[in-house]
PDB file of N, CA and C in Angstrom:
ATOM      1  N   UNK A   1      74.130 109.174 150.991  1.00  0.00           N
ATOM      2  CA  UNK A   1      73.452 109.315 152.642  1.00  0.00           C
ATOM      3  C   UNK A   1      73.295 110.165 153.339  1.00  0.00           C
ATOM      4  N   UNK A   2      72.588 110.616 154.081  1.00  0.00           N
ATOM      5  CA  UNK A   2      72.658 112.190 154.381  1.00  0.00           C
ATOM      6  C   UNK A   2      71.911 111.376 156.200  1.00  0.00           C
ATOM      7  N   UNK A   3      72.673 112.182 157.042  1.00  0.00           N
ATOM      8  CA  UNK A   3      72.876 112.235 158.473  1.00  0.00           C
ATOM      9  C   UNK A   3      72.516 113.400 158.991  1.00  0.00           C
ATOM     10  N   UNK A   4      71.522 113.556 159.689  1.00  0.00           N
ATOM     11  CA  UNK A   4      70.579 114.771 160.607  1.00  0.00           C
ATOM     12  C   UNK A   4      71.105 114.323 161.792  1.00  0.00           C
ATOM     13  N   UNK A   5      71.768 115.224 162.381  1.00  0.00           N
ATOM     14  CA  UNK A   5      72.010 115.359 163.842  1.00  0.00           C
ATOM     15  C   UNK A   5      71.357 116.747 164.575  1.00  0.00           C
ATOM     16  N   UNK A   6      70.866 116.396 165.700  1.00  0.00           N
ATOM     17  CA  UNK A   6      70.043 117.635 166.441  1.00  0.00           C
ATOM     18  C   UNK A   6      71.462 118.367 166.850  1.00  0.00           C
ATOM     19  N   UNK A   7      70.830 119.565 166.648  1.00  0.00           N
ATOM     20  CA  UNK A   7      71.644 121.079 167.353  1.00  0.00           C
ATOM     21  C   UNK A   7      71.158 122.007 167.325  1.00  0.00           C
ATOM     22  N   UNK A   8      72.023 122.880 168.439  1.00  0.00           N
ATOM     23  CA  UNK A   8      71.446 124.152 168.424  1.00  0.00           C
ATOM     24  C   UNK A   8      72.636 125.215 167.819  1.00  0.00           C
ATOM     25  N   UNK A   9      73.754 124.683 167.931  1.00  0.00           N
ATOM     26  CA  UNK A   9      74.763 125.708 167.455  1.00  0.00           C
ATOM     27  C   UNK A   9      75.751 124.871 166.572  1.00  0.00           C
ATOM     28  N   UNK A  10      75.469 123.936 165.835  1.00  0.00           N
ATOM     29  CA  UNK A  10      76.220 123.072 164.896  1.00  0.00           C
ATOM     30  C   UNK A  10      77.460 122.363 165.697  1.00  0.00           C
ATOM     31  N   UNK A  11      77.833 122.729 166.799  1.00  0.00           N
ATOM     32  CA  UNK A  11      79.109 121.931 167.552  1.00  0.00           C
ATOM     33  C   UNK A  11      78.921 121.319 168.343  1.00  0.00           C
ATOM     34  N   UNK A  12      77.683 121.169 169.455  1.00  0.00           N
ATOM     35  CA  UNK A  12      77.222 120.203 170.342  1.00  0.00           C
ATOM     36  C   UNK A  12      75.830 119.408 170.097  1.00  0.00           C
ATOM     37  N   UNK A  13      75.499 118.328 170.311  1.00  0.00           N
ATOM     38  CA  UNK A  13      74.415 117.474 170.217  1.00  0.00           C
ATOM     39  C   UNK A  13      73.463 118.252 170.700  1.00  0.00           C
ATOM     40  N   UNK A  14      72.387 118.693 170.364  1.00  0.00           N
ATOM     41  CA  UNK A  14      71.042 118.854 171.755  1.00  0.00           C
ATOM     42  C   UNK A  14      71.155 117.928 172.707  1.00  0.00           C
ATOM     43  N   UNK A  15      70.728 118.450 173.622  1.00  0.00           N
ATOM     44  CA  UNK A  15      70.161 117.463 174.971  1.00  0.00           C
ATOM     45  C   UNK A  15      68.792 116.464 174.812  1.00  0.00           C
ATOM     46  N   UNK A  16      67.940 117.462 173.773  1.00  0.00           N
ATOM     47  CA  UNK A  16      66.732 116.772 173.456  1.00  0.00           C
ATOM     48  C   UNK A  16      66.240 117.185 172.563  1.00  0.00           C
ATOM     49  N   UNK A  17      66.017 116.420 171.699  1.00  0.00           N
ATOM     50  CA  UNK A  17      65.500 116.351 169.943  1.00  0.00           C
ATOM     51  C   UNK A  17      64.515 117.311 169.859  1.00  0.00           C
ATOM     52  N   UNK A  18      63.442 117.443 170.935  1.00  0.00           N
ATOM     53  CA  UNK A  18      62.695 117.771 170.491  1.00  0.00           C
ATOM     54  C   UNK A  18      62.627 119.753 170.708  1.00  0.00           C
ATOM     55  N   UNK A  19      63.551 119.807 171.636  1.00  0.00           N
ATOM     56  CA  UNK A  19      63.647 121.491 171.951  1.00  0.00           C
ATOM     57  C   UNK A  19      65.026 121.661 170.426  1.00  0.00           C
ATOM     58  N   UNK A  20      65.411 120.910 169.932  1.00  0.00           N
ATOM     59  CA  UNK A  20      66.473 121.512 169.093  1.00  0.00           C
ATOM     60  C   UNK A  20      65.954 122.676 168.209  1.00  0.00           C
ATOM     61  N   UNK A  21      66.855 123.160 167.738  1.00  0.00           N
ATOM     62  CA  UNK A  21      66.549 124.223 166.912  1.00  0.00           C
ATOM     63  C   UNK A  21      66.651 123.928 165.633  1.00  0.00           C
ATOM     64  N   UNK A  22      67.764 123.339 165.300  1.00  0.00           N
ATOM     65  CA  UNK A  22      68.357 122.928 164.211  1.00  0.00           C
ATOM     66  C   UNK A  22      68.676 121.450 163.894  1.00  0.00           C
ATOM     67  N   UNK A  23      69.155 121.113 162.735  1.00  0.00           N
ATOM     68  CA  UNK A  23      69.617 120.089 162.378  1.00  0.00           C
ATOM     69  C   UNK A  23      70.982 120.157 161.309  1.00  0.00           C
ATOM     70  N   UNK A  24      72.006 119.683 162.064  1.00  0.00           N
ATOM     71  CA  UNK A  24      73.286 119.061 161.009  1.00  0.00           C
ATOM     72  C   UNK A  24      73.018 118.506 160.043  1.00  0.00           C
ATOM     73  N   UNK A  25      72.903 118.746 158.516  1.00  0.00           N
ATOM     74  CA  UNK A  25      72.356 118.184 157.292  1.00  0.00           C
ATOM     75  C   UNK A  25      73.903 117.479 156.774  1.00  0.00           C
ATOM     76  N   UNK A  26      73.934 116.169 157.137  1.00  0.00           N
ATOM     77  CA  UNK A  26      75.641 115.772 156.359  1.00  0.00           C
ATOM     78  C   UNK A  26      75.571 114.672 155.504  1.00  0.00           C
ATOM     79  N   UNK A  27      75.826 115.054 153.971  1.00  0.00           N
ATOM     80  CA  UNK A  27      75.927 114.468 153.177  1.00  0.00           C
ATOM     81  C   UNK A  27      76.973 113.704 152.893  1.00  0.00           C
ATOM     82  N   UNK A  28      76.961 112.042 152.975  1.00  0.00           N
ATOM     83  CA  UNK A  28      77.890 111.260 152.896  1.00  0.00           C
ATOM     84  C   UNK A  28      77.992 110.356 151.734  1.00  0.00           C
ATOM     85  N   UNK A  29      79.380 110.213 151.145  1.00  0.00           N
ATOM     86  CA  UNK A  29      79.567 109.668 149.729  1.00  0.00           C
ATOM     87  C   UNK A  29      80.754 109.032 149.816  1.00  0.00           C
ATOM     88  N   UNK A  30      80.785 107.762 149.402  1.00  0.00           N
ATOM     89  CA  UNK A  30      81.963 106.644 149.987  1.00  0.00           C
ATOM     90  C   UNK A  30      82.578 107.058 150.867  1.00  0.00           C
ATOM     91  N   UNK A  31      82.075 107.154 151.881  1.00  0.00           N
ATOM     92  CA  UNK A  31      82.776 107.637 153.613  1.00  0.00           C
ATOM     93  C   UNK A  31      83.005 108.684 153.662  1.00  0.00           C
ATOM     94  N   UNK A  32      83.078 109.541 152.327  1.00  0.00           N
ATOM     95  CA  UNK A  32      83.348 110.804 152.707  1.00  0.00           C
ATOM     96  C   UNK A  32      82.421 111.913 152.739  1.00  0.00           C
ATOM     97  N   UNK A  33      82.707 113.119 153.647  1.00  0.00           N
ATOM     98  CA  UNK A  33      81.693 114.239 153.863  1.00  0.00           C
ATOM     99  C   UNK A  33      81.795 114.931 152.245  1.00  0.00           C
ATOM    100  N   UNK A  34      80.309 114.955 151.995  1.00  0.00           N
ATOM    101  CA  UNK A  34      80.409 115.638 150.857  1.00  0.00           C
ATOM    102  C   UNK A  34      79.890 117.278 151.008  1.00  0.00           C
ATOM    103  N   UNK A  35      78.930 117.289 152.083  1.00  0.00           N
ATOM    104  CA  UNK A  35      78.335 118.550 151.859  1.00  0.00           C
ATOM    105  C   UNK A  35      77.674 118.618 153.622  1.00  0.00           C
ATOM    106  N   UNK A  36      77.685 119.562 153.993  1.00  0.00           N
ATOM    107  CA  UNK A  36      77.138 120.250 155.101  1.00  0.00           C
ATOM    108  C   UNK A  36      75.951 121.461 154.839  1.00  0.00           C
ATOM    109  N   UNK A  37      74.766 121.094 155.372  1.00  0.00           N
ATOM    110  CA  UNK A  37      73.571 122.098 155.801  1.00  0.00           C
ATOM    111  C   UNK A  37      73.059 122.270 156.995  1.00  0.00           C
ATOM    112  N   UNK A  38      72.940 123.299 157.687  1.00  0.00           N
ATOM    113  CA  UNK A  38      72.095 123.582 159.188  1.00  0.00           C
ATOM    114  C   UNK A  38      70.788 124.073 158.591  1.00  0.00           C
ATOM    115  N   UNK A  39      69.922 123.000 158.818  1.00  0.00           N
ATOM    116  CA  UNK A  39      68.593 123.343 158.752  1.00  0.00           C
ATOM    117  C   UNK A  39      68.001 123.947 160.069  1.00  0.00           C
ATOM    118  N   UNK A  40      67.088 124.694 159.809  1.00  0.00           N
ATOM    119  CA  UNK A  40      65.935 125.556 161.135  1.00  0.00           C
ATOM    120  C   UNK A  40      64.632 124.093 160.875  1.00  0.00           C
ATOM    121  N   UNK A  41      64.738 123.388 162.337  1.00  0.00           N
ATOM    122  CA  UNK A  41      63.956 122.643 162.753  1.00  0.00           C
ATOM    123  C   UNK A  41      62.453 123.157 162.760  1.00  0.00           C
ATOM    124  N   UNK A  42      61.614 122.731 161.786  1.00  0.00           N
ATOM    125  CA  UNK A  42      60.213 123.112 161.624  1.00  0.00           C
ATOM    126  C   UNK A  42      59.554 122.529 162.951  1.00  0.00           C
ATOM    127  N   UNK A  43      59.186 123.279 163.660  1.00  0.00           N
ATOM    128  CA  UNK A  43      58.451 123.247 164.793  1.00  0.00           C
ATOM    129  C   UNK A  43      59.486 122.884 166.363  1.00  0.00           C
ATOM    130  N   UNK A  44      60.980 123.192 166.022  1.00  0.00           N
ATOM    131  CA  UNK A  44      61.527 123.065 166.915  1.00  0.00           C
ATOM    132  C   UNK A  44      61.965 124.296 168.059  1.00  0.00           C
ATOM    133  N   UNK A  45      62.534 123.833 169.213  1.00  0.00           N
ATOM    134  CA  UNK A  45      62.913 124.913 170.387  1.00  0.00           C
ATOM    135  C   UNK A  45      61.597 124.812 170.985  1.00  0.00           C
ATOM    136  N   UNK A  46      60.848 123.780 170.814  1.00  0.00           N
ATOM    137  CA  UNK A  46      59.571 123.938 171.824  1.00  0.00           C
ATOM    138  C   UNK A  46      60.002 123.250 173.725  1.00  0.00           C
ATOM    139  N   UNK A  47      58.863 123.638 174.513  1.00  0.00           N
ATOM    140  CA  UNK A  47      58.813 123.128 175.637  1.00  0.00           C
ATOM    141  C   UNK A  47      58.662 121.690 175.460  1.00  0.00           C
ATOM    142  N   UNK A  48      58.955 120.776 176.605  1.00  0.00           N
ATOM    143  CA  UNK A  48      59.042 119.368 176.913  1.00  0.00           C
ATOM    144  C   UNK A  48      57.296 119.425 176.613  1.00  0.00           C
ATOM    145  N   UNK A  49      57.073 118.366 175.531  1.00  0.00           N
ATOM    146  CA  UNK A  49      55.752 117.679 175.609  1.00  0.00           C
ATOM    147  C   UNK A  49      54.907 118.461 174.281  1.00  0.00           C
ATOM    148  N   UNK A  50      55.337 119.499 173.937  1.00  0.00           N
ATOM    149  CA  UNK A  50      54.827 120.504 172.633  1.00  0.00           C
ATOM    150  C   UNK A  50      55.692 120.246 171.559  1.00  0.00           C
ATOM    151  N   UNK A  51      56.702 118.814 171.200  1.00  0.00           N
ATOM    152  CA  UNK A  51      57.152 118.842 169.801  1.00  0.00           C
ATOM    153  C   UNK A  51      56.180 118.304 169.098  1.00  0.00           C
ATOM    154  N   UNK A  52      56.478 118.830 167.793  1.00  0.00           N
ATOM    155  CA  UNK A  52      55.451 118.623 166.689  1.00  0.00           C
ATOM    156  C   UNK A  52      56.019 117.300 165.670  1.00  0.00           C
ATOM    157  N   UNK A  53      56.308 115.985 165.757  1.00  0.00           N
ATOM    158  CA  UNK A  53      56.501 115.371 165.270  1.00  0.00           C
ATOM    159  C   UNK A  53      56.497 115.055 163.781  1.00  0.00           C
ATOM    160  N   UNK A  54      55.421 115.547 163.535  1.00  0.00           N
ATOM    161  CA  UNK A  54      55.498 115.319 161.781  1.00  0.00           C
ATOM    162  C   UNK A  54      56.205 116.572 160.741  1.00  0.00           C
ATOM    163  N   UNK A  55      56.243 117.478 161.842  1.00  0.00           N
ATOM    164  CA  UNK A  55      57.078 118.775 161.650  1.00  0.00           C
ATOM    165  C   UNK A  55      58.751 118.388 161.307  1.00  0.00           C
ATOM    166  N   UNK A  56      59.084 118.306 162.544  1.00  0.00           N
ATOM    167  CA  UNK A  56      60.326 117.233 162.503  1.00  0.00           C
ATOM    168  C   UNK A  56      60.905 116.323 161.795  1.00  0.00           C
ATOM    169  N   UNK A  57      60.330 115.381 161.533  1.00  0.00           N
ATOM    170  CA  UNK A  57      60.561 114.389 161.013  1.00  0.00           C
ATOM    171  C   UNK A  57      60.611 114.921 159.105  1.00  0.00           C
ATOM    172  N   UNK A  58      59.491 115.771 158.860  1.00  0.00           N
ATOM    173  CA  UNK A  58      59.605 116.558 157.513  1.00  0.00           C
ATOM    174  C   UNK A  58      60.760 117.249 157.090  1.00  0.00           C
ATOM    175  N   UNK A  59      61.048 117.986 158.382  1.00  0.00           N
ATOM    176  CA  UNK A  59      62.666 118.713 158.286  1.00  0.00           C
ATOM    177  C   UNK A  59      63.853 117.799 157.634  1.00  0.00           C
ATOM    178  N   UNK A  60      63.707 116.333 157.984  1.00  0.00           N
ATOM    179  CA  UNK A  60      64.876 115.604 157.565  1.00  0.00           C
ATOM    180  C   UNK A  60      64.287 114.241 156.834  1.00  0.00           C
ATOM    181  N   UNK A  61      63.288 114.441 156.180  1.00  0.00           N
ATOM    182  CA  UNK A  61      62.908 113.411 155.490  1.00  0.00           C
ATOM    183  C   UNK A  61      63.415 112.763 154.353  1.00  0.00           C
ATOM    184  N   UNK A  62      64.623 113.655 154.040  1.00  0.00           N
ATOM    185  CA  UNK A  62      65.616 113.078 152.556  1.00  0.00           C
ATOM    186  C   UNK A  62      66.483 112.391 153.582  1.00  0.00           C
ATOM    187  N   UNK A  63      66.816 112.058 154.969  1.00  0.00           N
ATOM    188  CA  UNK A  63      67.760 111.624 155.450  1.00  0.00           C
ATOM    189  C   UNK A  63      67.872 110.146 156.180  1.00  0.00           C
ATOM    190  N   UNK A  64      68.681 109.767 156.027  1.00  0.00           N
ATOM    191  CA  UNK A  64      68.305 108.014 156.132  1.00  0.00           C
ATOM    192  C   UNK A  64      68.831 107.981 158.013  1.00  0.00           C
ATOM    193  N   UNK A  65      69.615 108.701 158.704  1.00  0.00           N
ATOM    194  CA  UNK A  65      69.619 108.670 159.956  1.00  0.00           C
ATOM    195  C   UNK A  65      69.495 109.859 160.783  1.00  0.00           C
ATOM    196  N   UNK A  66      69.222 109.591 161.993  1.00  0.00           N
ATOM    197  CA  UNK A  66      69.172 110.951 162.800  1.00  0.00           C
ATOM    198  C   UNK A  66      69.462 110.797 163.856  1.00  0.00           C
ATOM    199  N   UNK A  67      70.547 111.634 164.313  1.00  0.00           N
ATOM    200  CA  UNK A  67      71.769 111.154 165.818  1.00  0.00           C
ATOM    201  C   UNK A  67      70.721 112.619 166.732  1.00  0.00           C
ATOM    202  N   UNK A  68      70.774 111.905 167.979  1.00  0.00           N
ATOM    203  CA  UNK A  68      70.165 112.865 169.326  1.00  0.00           C
ATOM    204  C   UNK A  68      71.193 112.237 170.479  1.00  0.00           C
ATOM    205  N   UNK A  69      71.171 113.203 171.366  1.00  0.00           N
ATOM    206  CA  UNK A  69      71.187 113.270 172.537  1.00  0.00           C
ATOM    207  C   UNK A  69      70.192 112.550 173.810  1.00  0.00           C
ATOM    208  N   UNK A  70      69.265 112.833 173.352  1.00  0.00           N
ATOM    209  CA  UNK A  70      67.896 112.311 173.862  1.00  0.00           C
ATOM    210  C   UNK A  70      66.616 112.562 173.098  1.00  0.00           C
ATOM    211  N   UNK A  71      65.850 111.518 173.370  1.00  0.00           N
ATOM    212  CA  UNK A  71      64.271 112.138 172.913  1.00  0.00           C
ATOM    213  C   UNK A  71      63.610 110.882 173.411  1.00  0.00           C
ATOM    214  N   UNK A  72      62.163 110.970 173.126  1.00  0.00           N
ATOM    215  CA  UNK A  72      61.299 110.165 173.726  1.00  0.00           C
ATOM    216  C   UNK A  72      61.344 109.072 172.661  1.00  0.00           C
ATOM    217  N   UNK A  73      60.481 108.002 173.214  1.00  0.00           N
ATOM    218  CA  UNK A  73      60.079 106.587 172.784  1.00  0.00           C
ATOM    219  C   UNK A  73      59.091 106.945 171.745  1.00  0.00           C
ATOM    220  N   UNK A  74      58.280 108.105 171.475  1.00  0.00           N
ATOM    221  CA  UNK A  74      56.969 108.156 170.528  1.00  0.00           C
ATOM    222  C   UNK A  74      57.891 108.665 169.263  1.00  0.00           C
ATOM    223  N   UNK A  75      58.393 109.736 169.324  1.00  0.00           N
ATOM    224  CA  UNK A  75      59.328 110.008 168.507  1.00  0.00           C
ATOM    225  C   UNK A  75      60.252 109.607 167.717  1.00  0.00           C
ATOM    226  N   UNK A  76      60.987 108.271 168.444  1.00  0.00           N
ATOM    227  CA  UNK A  76      61.796 107.479 167.855  1.00  0.00           C
ATOM    228  C   UNK A  76      61.213 106.012 167.379  1.00  0.00           C
ATOM    229  N   UNK A  77      60.144 106.022 167.504  1.00  0.00           N
ATOM    230  CA  UNK A  77      59.496 105.115 166.903  1.00  0.00           C
ATOM    231  C   UNK A  77      58.871 105.904 165.716  1.00  0.00           C
ATOM    232  N   UNK A  78      58.226 107.373 165.771  1.00  0.00           N
ATOM    233  CA  UNK A  78      57.473 107.502 164.480  1.00  0.00           C
ATOM    234  C   UNK A  78      58.751 108.039 163.615  1.00  0.00           C
ATOM    235  N   UNK A  79      60.248 107.855 163.765  1.00  0.00           N
ATOM    236  CA  UNK A  79      61.205 108.110 162.893  1.00  0.00           C
ATOM    237  C   UNK A  79      61.194 107.026 162.152  1.00  0.00           C
ATOM    238  N   UNK A  80      61.536 105.735 162.912  1.00  0.00           N
ATOM    239  CA  UNK A  80      61.034 104.572 162.409  1.00  0.00           C
ATOM    240  C   UNK A  80      60.511 104.116 161.371  1.00  0.00           C
ATOM    241  N   UNK A  81      58.924 104.834 161.677  1.00  0.00           N
ATOM    242  CA  UNK A  81      58.314 104.355 160.577  1.00  0.00           C
ATOM    243  C   UNK A  81      58.137 104.993 159.702  1.00  0.00           C
ATOM    244  N   UNK A  82      59.024 106.332 160.060  1.00  0.00           N
ATOM    245  CA  UNK A  82      59.244 107.027 158.516  1.00  0.00           C
ATOM    246  C   UNK A  82      60.457 106.665 157.828  1.00  0.00           C
ATOM    247  N   UNK A  83      60.779 105.719 158.156  1.00  0.00           N
ATOM    248  CA  UNK A  83      62.310 104.982 157.330  1.00  0.00           C
ATOM    249  C   UNK A  83      63.466 106.039 157.737  1.00  0.00           C
ATOM    250  N   UNK A  84      63.511 106.672 158.782  1.00  0.00           N
ATOM    251  CA  UNK A  84      64.788 107.200 159.438  1.00  0.00           C
ATOM    252  C   UNK A  84      65.354 106.459 160.418  1.00  0.00           C
ATOM    253  N   UNK A  85      66.432 106.178 160.764  1.00  0.00           N
ATOM    254  CA  UNK A  85      67.076 104.990 161.548  1.00  0.00           C
ATOM    255  C   UNK A  85      67.532 106.171 162.947  1.00  0.00           C
ATOM    256  N   UNK A  86      66.976 106.257 163.810  1.00  0.00           N
ATOM    257  CA  UNK A  86      67.370 107.116 165.062  1.00  0.00           C
ATOM    258  C   UNK A  86      68.191 106.342 165.634  1.00  0.00           C
ATOM    259  N   UNK A  87      69.504 107.372 166.266  1.00  0.00           N
ATOM    260  CA  UNK A  87      69.887 106.913 167.077  1.00  0.00           C
ATOM    261  C   UNK A  87      70.396 107.961 168.143  1.00  0.00           C
ATOM    262  N   UNK A  88      70.533 107.070 169.638  1.00  0.00           N
ATOM    263  CA  UNK A  88      70.301 108.134 170.725  1.00  0.00           C
ATOM    264  C   UNK A  88      71.982 107.774 171.131  1.00  0.00           C
ATOM    265  N   UNK A  89      72.950 108.787 171.614  1.00  0.00           N
ATOM    266  CA  UNK A  89      74.404 108.896 171.547  1.00  0.00           C
ATOM    267  C   UNK A  89      74.374 109.148 172.841  1.00  0.00           C
ATOM    268  N   UNK A  90      75.367 109.188 173.593  1.00  0.00           N
ATOM    269  CA  UNK A  90      76.005 109.618 174.520  1.00  0.00           C
ATOM    270  C   UNK A  90      77.233 110.464 174.258  1.00  0.00           C
ATOM    271  N   UNK A  91      77.522 110.966 173.194  1.00  0.00           N
ATOM    272  CA  UNK A  91      78.607 111.893 172.563  1.00  0.00           C
ATOM    273  C   UNK A  91      77.926 113.238 172.545  1.00  0.00           C
ATOM    274  N   UNK A  92      78.110 114.180 173.564  1.00  0.00           N
ATOM    275  CA  UNK A  92      77.871 115.295 173.208  1.00  0.00           C
ATOM    276  C   UNK A  92      78.298 116.376 171.915  1.00  0.00           C
ATOM    277  N   UNK A  93      79.512 115.902 171.241  1.00  0.00           N
ATOM    278  CA  UNK A  93      79.740 116.796 170.426  1.00  0.00           C
ATOM    279  C   UNK A  93      79.492 116.314 169.047  1.00  0.00           C
ATOM    280  N   UNK A  94      79.021 117.093 168.060  1.00  0.00           N
ATOM    281  CA  UNK A  94      78.485 116.597 166.634  1.00  0.00           C
ATOM    282  C   UNK A  94      79.896 115.884 165.995  1.00  0.00           C
ATOM    283  N   UNK A  95      81.152 116.388 165.634  1.00  0.00           N
ATOM    284  CA  UNK A  95      82.117 115.808 165.101  1.00  0.00           C
ATOM    285  C   UNK A  95      82.221 114.163 165.349  1.00  0.00           C
ATOM    286  N   UNK A  96      82.498 114.507 166.704  1.00  0.00           N
ATOM    287  CA  UNK A  96      82.852 112.944 167.352  1.00  0.00           C
ATOM    288  C   UNK A  96      81.873 111.819 167.053  1.00  0.00           C
ATOM    289  N   UNK A  97      80.886 112.172 167.498  1.00  0.00           N
ATOM    290  CA  UNK A  97      79.401 111.329 166.954  1.00  0.00           C
ATOM    291  C   UNK A  97      79.508 110.765 165.683  1.00  0.00           C
ATOM    292  N   UNK A  98      79.473 112.002 164.623  1.00  0.00           N
ATOM    293  CA  UNK A  98      79.920 111.754 163.524  1.00  0.00           C
ATOM    294  C   UNK A  98      80.870 110.764 163.231  1.00  0.00           C
ATOM    295  N   UNK A  99      81.836 110.825 163.614  1.00  0.00           N
ATOM    296  CA  UNK A  99      83.126 110.152 163.373  1.00  0.00           C
ATOM    297  C   UNK A  99      82.514 108.682 163.285  1.00  0.00           C
ATOM    298  N   UNK A 100      82.219 108.797 164.481  1.00  0.00           N
ATOM    299  CA  UNK A 100      82.094 107.139 165.316  1.00  0.00           C
ATOM    300  C   UNK A 100      80.527 106.628 164.360  1.00  0.00           C
ATOM    301  N   UNK A 101      79.760 107.139 163.935  1.00  0.00           N
ATOM    302  CA  UNK A 101      78.748 106.706 163.015  1.00  0.00           C
ATOM    303  C   UNK A 101      79.336 106.232 161.900  1.00  0.00           C
ATOM    304  N   UNK A 102      80.487 107.058 161.411  1.00  0.00           N
ATOM    305  CA  UNK A 102      81.191 106.512 159.792  1.00  0.00           C
ATOM    306  C   UNK A 102      81.680 105.183 160.314  1.00  0.00           C
ATOM    307  N   UNK A 103      82.614 105.232 161.303  1.00  0.00           N
ATOM    308  CA  UNK A 103      83.444 104.085 161.447  1.00  0.00           C
ATOM    309  C   UNK A 103      82.456 102.818 162.230  1.00  0.00           C
ATOM    310  N   UNK A 104      81.201 102.924 162.047  1.00  0.00           N
ATOM    311  CA  UNK A 104      80.412 102.348 162.620  1.00  0.00           C
ATOM    312  C   UNK A 104      80.313 101.747 163.914  1.00  0.00           C
ATOM    313  N   UNK A 105      80.930 102.356 164.704  1.00  0.00           N
ATOM    314  CA  UNK A 105      81.143 102.484 166.048  1.00  0.00           C
ATOM    315  C   UNK A 105      80.097 103.220 167.044  1.00  0.00           C
ATOM    316  N   UNK A 106      79.026 104.173 166.334  1.00  0.00           N
ATOM    317  CA  UNK A 106      78.466 104.583 167.637  1.00  0.00           C
ATOM    318  C   UNK A 106      77.142 103.947 168.130  1.00  0.00           C
ATOM    319  N   UNK A 107      77.412 103.872 169.511  1.00  0.00           N
ATOM    320  CA  UNK A 107      76.131 102.969 169.902  1.00  0.00           C
ATOM    321  C   UNK A 107      74.710 103.736 170.433  1.00  0.00           C
ATOM    322  N   UNK A 108      73.703 102.696 169.851  1.00  0.00           N
ATOM    323  CA  UNK A 108      72.148 103.385 170.188  1.00  0.00           C
ATOM    324  C   UNK A 108      71.779 103.334 171.744  1.00  0.00           C
ATOM    325  N   UNK A 109      71.738 104.418 172.400  1.00  0.00           N
ATOM    326  CA  UNK A 109      71.261 104.452 173.851  1.00  0.00           C
ATOM    327  C   UNK A 109      69.860 104.191 173.952  1.00  0.00           C
ATOM    328  N   UNK A 110      69.388 103.138 173.948  1.00  0.00           N
ATOM    329  CA  UNK A 110      67.984 103.211 174.031  1.00  0.00           C
ATOM    330  C   UNK A 110      67.626 103.404 175.264  1.00  0.00           C
ATOM    331  N   UNK A 111      68.396 103.022 176.115  1.00  0.00           N
ATOM    332  CA  UNK A 111      68.420 103.181 177.750  1.00  0.00           C
ATOM    333  C   UNK A 111      68.290 104.895 177.856  1.00  0.00           C
ATOM    334  N   UNK A 112      68.466 105.820 177.162  1.00  0.00           N
ATOM    335  CA  UNK A 112      68.545 107.226 177.546  1.00  0.00           C
ATOM    336  C   UNK A 112      67.054 107.531 177.063  1.00  0.00           C
ATOM    337  N   UNK A 113      66.669 106.891 176.001  1.00  0.00           N
ATOM    338  CA  UNK A 113      64.843 107.088 175.914  1.00  0.00           C
ATOM    339  C   UNK A 113      63.828 107.558 176.956  1.00  0.00           C
ATOM    340  N   UNK A 114      63.013 108.596 176.818  1.00  0.00           N
ATOM    341  CA  UNK A 114      62.368 108.495 177.913  1.00  0.00           C
ATOM    342  C   UNK A 114      60.924 108.938 177.373  1.00  0.00           C
TER     343      UNK A 114
END
């Protein structure tokens, strides 16, 4: 399983997915982290309203999950339509959110969608 986390620095989760410069892609096998890769987002780092959904989705098309601190309803639904489970979290730290997800404790905060 691969999990993508929107980030600019690999430590904190980007406040808005559409402006994220990269994804930390974490490969998990048998509940353990097997590999980490920082991927530059195709079309990332844009201003509000300029996010290229297709490019962002293609950046992580091999992932089952994407975690962000915030995103719009449209990209949330676009991820779902492409077989990627989007999760909006209130956890600002990459490691904290990843750990919560692996324990099955990460809450999808749809109330944070805009």
